[in-house]
N, C-alpha and C. Protein backbone atom coordinates (compact mmCIF):
# COMPACT_ATOMS: atom_id res chain seq x y z
N UNK A 1 62.29 122.44 116.01
CA UNK A 1 62.77 121.62 117.15
C UNK A 1 64.33 121.33 116.81
N UNK A 2 65.19 121.63 117.89
CA UNK A 2 66.52 121.28 117.75
C UNK A 2 66.96 120.17 118.70
N UNK A 3 67.56 119.16 118.29
CA UNK A 3 68.06 118.13 119.21
C UNK A 3 69.20 118.59 119.98
N UNK A 4 69.31 118.11 121.19
CA UNK A 4 70.37 118.40 122.04
C UNK A 4 71.61 117.80 121.44
N UNK A 5 72.89 118.41 121.68
CA UNK A 5 74.05 117.84 121.35
C UNK A 5 74.45 116.60 122.27
N UNK A 6 74.16 115.63 121.77
CA UNK A 6 74.32 114.39 122.64
C UNK A 6 75.73 114.03 123.19
N UNK A 7 76.65 114.66 122.23
CA UNK A 7 78.08 114.35 122.61
C UNK A 7 78.51 115.07 123.94
N UNK A 8 77.78 116.04 124.34
CA UNK A 8 78.06 116.67 125.52
C UNK A 8 77.44 116.29 126.78
N UNK A 9 76.55 115.29 126.60
CA UNK A 9 75.79 114.72 127.68
C UNK A 9 76.54 113.61 128.36
N UNK A 10 76.41 113.66 129.65
CA UNK A 10 77.12 112.49 130.39
C UNK A 10 76.26 111.04 130.16
N UNK A 11 76.88 110.00 130.56
CA UNK A 11 76.06 108.84 130.64
C UNK A 11 74.81 108.67 131.23
N UNK A 12 74.81 109.22 132.46
CA UNK A 12 73.57 109.28 133.22
C UNK A 12 72.55 110.23 132.62
N UNK A 13 72.97 111.31 132.08
CA UNK A 13 71.99 112.13 131.41
C UNK A 13 71.52 111.52 130.01
N UNK A 14 72.34 110.72 129.44
CA UNK A 14 71.82 110.06 128.31
C UNK A 14 70.77 108.89 128.67
N UNK A 15 71.06 108.31 129.77
CA UNK A 15 70.06 107.25 130.21
C UNK A 15 68.69 107.92 130.68
N UNK A 16 68.83 109.05 131.26
CA UNK A 16 67.58 109.93 131.63
C UNK A 16 66.84 110.34 130.40
N UNK A 17 67.60 110.67 129.36
CA UNK A 17 67.03 111.15 128.14
C UNK A 17 66.44 109.98 127.32
N UNK A 18 66.96 108.77 127.37
CA UNK A 18 66.43 107.64 126.82
C UNK A 18 65.05 107.34 127.54
N UNK A 19 65.10 107.34 128.79
CA UNK A 19 63.93 107.03 129.58
C UNK A 19 62.80 107.99 129.26
N UNK A 20 63.10 109.20 129.27
CA UNK A 20 62.06 110.21 128.84
C UNK A 20 61.57 109.91 127.45
N UNK A 21 62.33 109.63 126.46
CA UNK A 21 61.97 109.43 125.16
C UNK A 21 61.11 108.17 125.03
N UNK A 22 61.62 107.10 125.74
CA UNK A 22 60.62 105.87 125.81
C UNK A 22 59.19 106.13 126.28
N UNK A 23 59.26 106.96 127.34
CA UNK A 23 58.00 107.26 127.83
C UNK A 23 57.05 108.15 126.85
N UNK A 24 57.73 108.94 126.18
CA UNK A 24 57.03 109.88 125.20
C UNK A 24 56.53 109.00 124.00
N UNK A 25 57.44 108.10 123.65
CA UNK A 25 57.21 107.24 122.49
C UNK A 25 55.99 106.43 122.88
N UNK A 26 55.95 105.81 124.01
CA UNK A 26 54.79 105.04 124.44
C UNK A 26 53.58 105.84 124.40
N UNK A 27 53.62 106.96 125.07
CA UNK A 27 52.44 107.83 125.09
C UNK A 27 51.82 108.31 123.73
N UNK A 28 52.78 108.61 122.80
CA UNK A 28 52.37 108.93 121.41
C UNK A 28 51.82 107.79 120.76
N UNK A 29 52.36 106.58 120.96
CA UNK A 29 51.71 105.35 120.35
C UNK A 29 50.31 105.12 120.83
N UNK A 30 50.19 105.31 122.07
CA UNK A 30 48.84 105.07 122.71
C UNK A 30 47.77 106.05 122.10
N UNK A 31 48.28 107.16 122.09
CA UNK A 31 47.43 108.33 121.49
C UNK A 31 47.07 108.12 120.02
N UNK A 32 48.01 107.71 119.23
CA UNK A 32 47.82 107.40 117.83
C UNK A 32 46.94 106.17 117.56
N UNK A 33 47.13 105.12 118.41
CA UNK A 33 46.21 104.00 118.44
C UNK A 33 44.73 104.44 118.79
N UNK A 34 44.60 105.27 119.72
CA UNK A 34 43.24 105.66 120.09
C UNK A 34 42.63 106.42 118.86
N UNK A 35 43.36 107.29 118.22
CA UNK A 35 42.71 108.01 117.22
C UNK A 35 42.40 107.08 115.97
N UNK A 36 43.21 106.10 115.74
CA UNK A 36 42.93 105.08 114.74
C UNK A 36 41.73 104.37 115.02
N UNK A 37 41.65 103.76 116.36
CA UNK A 37 40.49 103.17 116.79
C UNK A 37 39.17 103.88 116.62
N UNK A 38 39.24 105.20 117.19
CA UNK A 38 38.14 106.01 117.06
C UNK A 38 37.59 106.14 115.63
N UNK A 39 38.50 106.45 114.74
CA UNK A 39 38.11 106.53 113.29
C UNK A 39 37.61 105.24 112.74
N UNK A 40 38.04 104.10 113.16
CA UNK A 40 37.56 102.82 112.70
C UNK A 40 36.08 102.71 113.27
N UNK A 41 35.86 103.02 114.69
CA UNK A 41 34.54 102.84 115.13
C UNK A 41 33.57 103.63 114.32
N UNK A 42 34.01 105.01 114.10
CA UNK A 42 33.12 105.94 113.34
C UNK A 42 32.74 105.34 111.94
N UNK A 43 33.77 104.78 111.29
CA UNK A 43 33.47 104.22 109.99
C UNK A 43 32.65 103.03 110.07
N UNK A 44 32.75 102.20 110.90
CA UNK A 44 31.86 100.96 111.02
C UNK A 44 30.41 101.39 111.29
N UNK A 45 30.34 102.23 112.24
CA UNK A 45 28.96 102.78 112.67
C UNK A 45 28.29 103.47 111.48
N UNK A 46 29.05 104.33 110.70
CA UNK A 46 28.42 104.98 109.59
C UNK A 46 28.16 104.05 108.57
N UNK A 47 28.70 102.87 108.44
CA UNK A 47 28.35 101.90 107.54
C UNK A 47 27.30 100.88 108.01
N UNK A 48 26.77 101.06 109.16
CA UNK A 48 25.64 100.39 109.79
C UNK A 48 26.08 98.96 110.55
N UNK A 49 27.37 99.03 110.84
CA UNK A 49 27.94 97.95 111.59
C UNK A 49 28.09 98.24 112.96
N UNK A 50 27.93 97.08 113.76
CA UNK A 50 28.34 97.35 115.31
C UNK A 50 29.89 97.22 115.44
N UNK A 51 30.31 97.79 116.50
CA UNK A 51 31.76 97.62 116.73
C UNK A 51 32.10 96.17 116.81
N UNK A 52 31.41 95.23 117.45
CA UNK A 52 31.60 93.87 117.66
C UNK A 52 31.62 93.37 116.19
N UNK A 53 30.81 93.63 115.15
CA UNK A 53 30.86 93.01 113.85
C UNK A 53 32.20 93.32 113.23
N UNK A 54 32.66 94.74 113.45
CA UNK A 54 33.89 95.11 112.82
C UNK A 54 35.13 94.43 113.39
N UNK A 55 34.95 94.20 114.73
CA UNK A 55 36.11 93.40 115.47
C UNK A 55 36.22 92.05 114.86
N UNK A 56 35.05 91.28 114.75
CA UNK A 56 34.92 90.07 114.22
C UNK A 56 35.53 89.85 112.85
N UNK A 57 35.24 91.02 112.01
CA UNK A 57 35.80 90.90 110.61
C UNK A 57 37.25 90.99 110.57
N UNK A 58 37.88 91.59 111.56
CA UNK A 58 39.26 91.71 111.68
C UNK A 58 40.06 90.43 112.03
N UNK A 59 39.18 89.49 112.84
CA UNK A 59 39.85 88.34 113.38
C UNK A 59 40.93 87.58 112.38
N UNK A 60 40.43 87.25 111.10
CA UNK A 60 41.28 86.64 110.05
C UNK A 60 42.60 87.22 110.04
N UNK A 61 42.58 88.61 110.01
CA UNK A 61 43.91 89.31 109.87
C UNK A 61 44.63 89.15 111.08
N UNK A 62 44.25 89.07 112.21
CA UNK A 62 44.85 88.86 113.42
C UNK A 62 45.55 87.30 113.39
N UNK A 63 44.72 86.40 112.89
CA UNK A 63 45.13 85.00 112.91
C UNK A 63 46.35 84.88 111.92
N UNK A 64 46.22 85.62 110.76
CA UNK A 64 47.43 85.54 109.81
C UNK A 64 48.65 86.00 110.46
N UNK A 65 48.52 87.13 111.19
CA UNK A 65 49.76 87.65 111.83
C UNK A 65 50.34 86.74 112.85
N UNK A 66 49.55 86.10 113.63
CA UNK A 66 50.06 85.12 114.62
C UNK A 66 50.58 83.89 113.92
N UNK A 67 49.89 83.41 112.92
CA UNK A 67 50.37 82.26 112.22
C UNK A 67 51.83 82.60 111.55
N UNK A 68 52.02 83.65 110.89
CA UNK A 68 53.25 83.95 110.23
C UNK A 68 54.38 83.96 111.45
N UNK A 69 54.10 84.46 112.61
CA UNK A 69 55.08 84.60 113.58
C UNK A 69 55.43 83.13 114.25
N UNK A 70 54.50 82.22 114.10
CA UNK A 70 54.71 80.81 114.78
C UNK A 70 55.47 80.06 113.74
N UNK A 71 55.47 80.37 112.58
CA UNK A 71 56.07 79.35 111.54
C UNK A 71 57.59 79.30 111.81
N UNK A 72 58.13 78.17 112.10
CA UNK A 72 59.58 77.82 112.38
C UNK A 72 60.05 76.83 111.37
N UNK A 73 61.10 77.07 110.82
CA UNK A 73 61.62 76.12 109.83
C UNK A 73 62.18 74.79 110.61
N UNK A 74 61.70 73.72 110.16
CA UNK A 74 62.19 72.40 110.86
C UNK A 74 63.36 71.95 110.15
N UNK A 75 64.35 71.39 110.81
CA UNK A 75 65.48 71.06 110.32
C UNK A 75 65.26 69.64 109.59
N UNK A 76 65.81 69.54 108.37
CA UNK A 76 65.64 68.34 107.52
C UNK A 76 66.57 67.35 107.93
N UNK A 77 66.24 65.99 107.90
CA UNK A 77 67.11 64.98 108.13
C UNK A 77 68.03 64.87 106.89
N UNK A 78 69.39 64.39 107.25
CA UNK A 78 70.15 64.34 106.16
C UNK A 78 69.94 63.14 105.11
N UNK A 79 69.93 63.38 103.80
CA UNK A 79 69.63 62.36 102.93
C UNK A 79 70.90 61.82 102.32
N UNK A 80 72.04 62.59 102.39
CA UNK A 80 73.31 62.25 101.81
C UNK A 80 74.41 62.50 102.94
N UNK A 81 75.39 61.51 102.87
CA UNK A 81 76.51 61.73 103.84
C UNK A 81 77.78 61.35 103.07
N UNK A 82 78.80 62.14 103.35
CA UNK A 82 80.09 62.13 102.76
C UNK A 82 80.86 60.84 103.53
N UNK A 83 81.24 59.82 102.83
CA UNK A 83 81.94 58.68 103.46
C UNK A 83 83.29 58.97 103.96
N UNK A 84 83.99 59.94 103.47
CA UNK A 84 85.17 60.36 103.93
C UNK A 84 85.16 61.30 105.12
N UNK A 85 84.05 61.84 105.26
CA UNK A 85 83.91 62.89 106.55
C UNK A 85 82.34 62.65 106.88
N UNK A 86 81.94 61.82 107.75
CA UNK A 86 80.50 61.60 108.21
C UNK A 86 79.88 62.91 108.64
N UNK A 87 80.80 63.93 109.03
CA UNK A 87 80.01 65.11 109.46
C UNK A 87 79.66 65.99 108.37
N UNK A 88 79.96 65.66 107.16
CA UNK A 88 79.40 66.32 106.06
C UNK A 88 78.17 65.65 105.48
N UNK A 89 77.06 66.36 105.65
CA UNK A 89 75.64 65.80 105.30
C UNK A 89 74.99 66.88 104.41
N UNK A 90 73.98 66.41 103.70
CA UNK A 90 73.12 67.31 102.96
C UNK A 90 71.79 66.69 102.92
N UNK A 91 70.76 67.74 103.22
CA UNK A 91 69.37 67.38 103.38
C UNK A 91 68.62 67.03 102.06
N UNK A 92 69.25 67.35 101.05
CA UNK A 92 68.62 67.38 99.73
C UNK A 92 67.83 68.60 99.33
N UNK A 93 67.85 69.58 100.22
CA UNK A 93 67.12 70.88 99.95
C UNK A 93 68.15 71.93 99.51
N UNK A 94 67.63 72.73 98.62
CA UNK A 94 68.52 73.70 98.12
C UNK A 94 69.64 73.39 97.27
N UNK A 95 70.57 74.08 97.06
CA UNK A 95 71.82 73.77 96.34
C UNK A 95 72.57 72.61 96.91
N UNK A 96 73.06 71.67 96.07
CA UNK A 96 73.78 70.74 96.53
C UNK A 96 75.07 71.06 97.30
N UNK A 97 75.43 70.26 98.43
CA UNK A 97 76.48 70.65 99.18
C UNK A 97 77.81 70.56 98.35
N UNK A 98 78.73 71.33 98.75
CA UNK A 98 79.99 71.39 97.97
C UNK A 98 80.65 70.09 97.84
N UNK A 99 80.65 69.27 98.95
CA UNK A 99 81.46 68.11 98.90
C UNK A 99 80.83 67.04 97.94
N UNK A 100 79.32 67.11 97.97
CA UNK A 100 78.63 66.28 97.08
C UNK A 100 78.90 66.79 95.59
N UNK A 101 78.87 67.97 95.31
CA UNK A 101 79.14 68.57 93.97
C UNK A 101 80.51 68.15 93.37
N UNK A 102 81.42 68.20 94.32
CA UNK A 102 82.78 67.76 94.05
C UNK A 102 82.78 66.37 93.72
N UNK A 103 82.16 65.40 94.31
CA UNK A 103 82.17 64.12 93.87
C UNK A 103 81.43 63.90 92.60
N UNK A 104 80.34 64.55 92.33
CA UNK A 104 79.72 64.46 91.09
C UNK A 104 80.50 64.94 89.97
N UNK A 105 81.44 65.89 90.21
CA UNK A 105 82.28 66.52 89.14
C UNK A 105 83.32 65.36 88.88
N UNK A 106 83.66 64.55 89.72
CA UNK A 106 84.56 63.41 89.56
C UNK A 106 83.85 62.35 88.67
N UNK A 107 82.60 62.43 88.51
CA UNK A 107 81.82 61.37 87.75
C UNK A 107 81.06 60.38 88.53
N UNK A 108 81.02 60.65 89.87
CA UNK A 108 80.40 59.76 90.79
C UNK A 108 78.94 60.11 90.93
N UNK A 109 78.16 58.98 91.27
CA UNK A 109 76.63 59.27 91.29
C UNK A 109 76.18 59.78 92.63
N UNK A 110 75.37 60.65 92.65
CA UNK A 110 74.81 61.04 93.89
C UNK A 110 74.07 59.92 94.84
N UNK A 111 73.56 58.97 94.22
CA UNK A 111 72.97 57.86 94.82
C UNK A 111 73.89 57.04 95.67
N UNK A 112 75.34 57.10 95.40
CA UNK A 112 76.25 56.37 96.19
C UNK A 112 76.31 56.96 97.61
N UNK A 113 75.91 58.20 97.79
CA UNK A 113 76.07 58.90 99.02
C UNK A 113 74.77 58.97 99.78
N UNK A 114 73.72 58.35 99.36
CA UNK A 114 72.44 58.43 99.81
C UNK A 114 72.51 57.67 101.22
N UNK A 115 71.84 58.33 102.22
CA UNK A 115 71.76 57.62 103.54
C UNK A 115 70.60 56.57 103.48
N UNK A 116 70.83 55.40 104.08
CA UNK A 116 69.87 54.36 104.06
C UNK A 116 68.73 54.79 105.21
N UNK A 117 67.46 54.96 104.74
CA UNK A 117 66.51 55.41 105.57
C UNK A 117 65.85 53.99 106.29
N UNK A 118 65.64 54.19 107.52
CA UNK A 118 65.12 53.04 108.40
C UNK A 118 63.54 53.17 108.58
């Protein structure tokens, strides 16, 4: 199979080609999922399981996938603040902020810059 020379196609031809490709990709995906599902059903039945039992056995895997997508990093409250520039803060997570490391290199204590928690 040879691909068309895309550089010779017009913008509208490229859009049409993309639409055709998207349709073929969707059709191929559906076809391959059906083949996969049919094979899974046959394996489950050959093992003496009902399709519903096989589906129920897959639920934990689906829950793991959903849980990993929902996980969102929560911003940490600042634990340290630069008195010279209050916009400079550090949460205490990860590597120390450069401004804090500079103060520590001057011999100052990290505790001097700790934010009072209320």
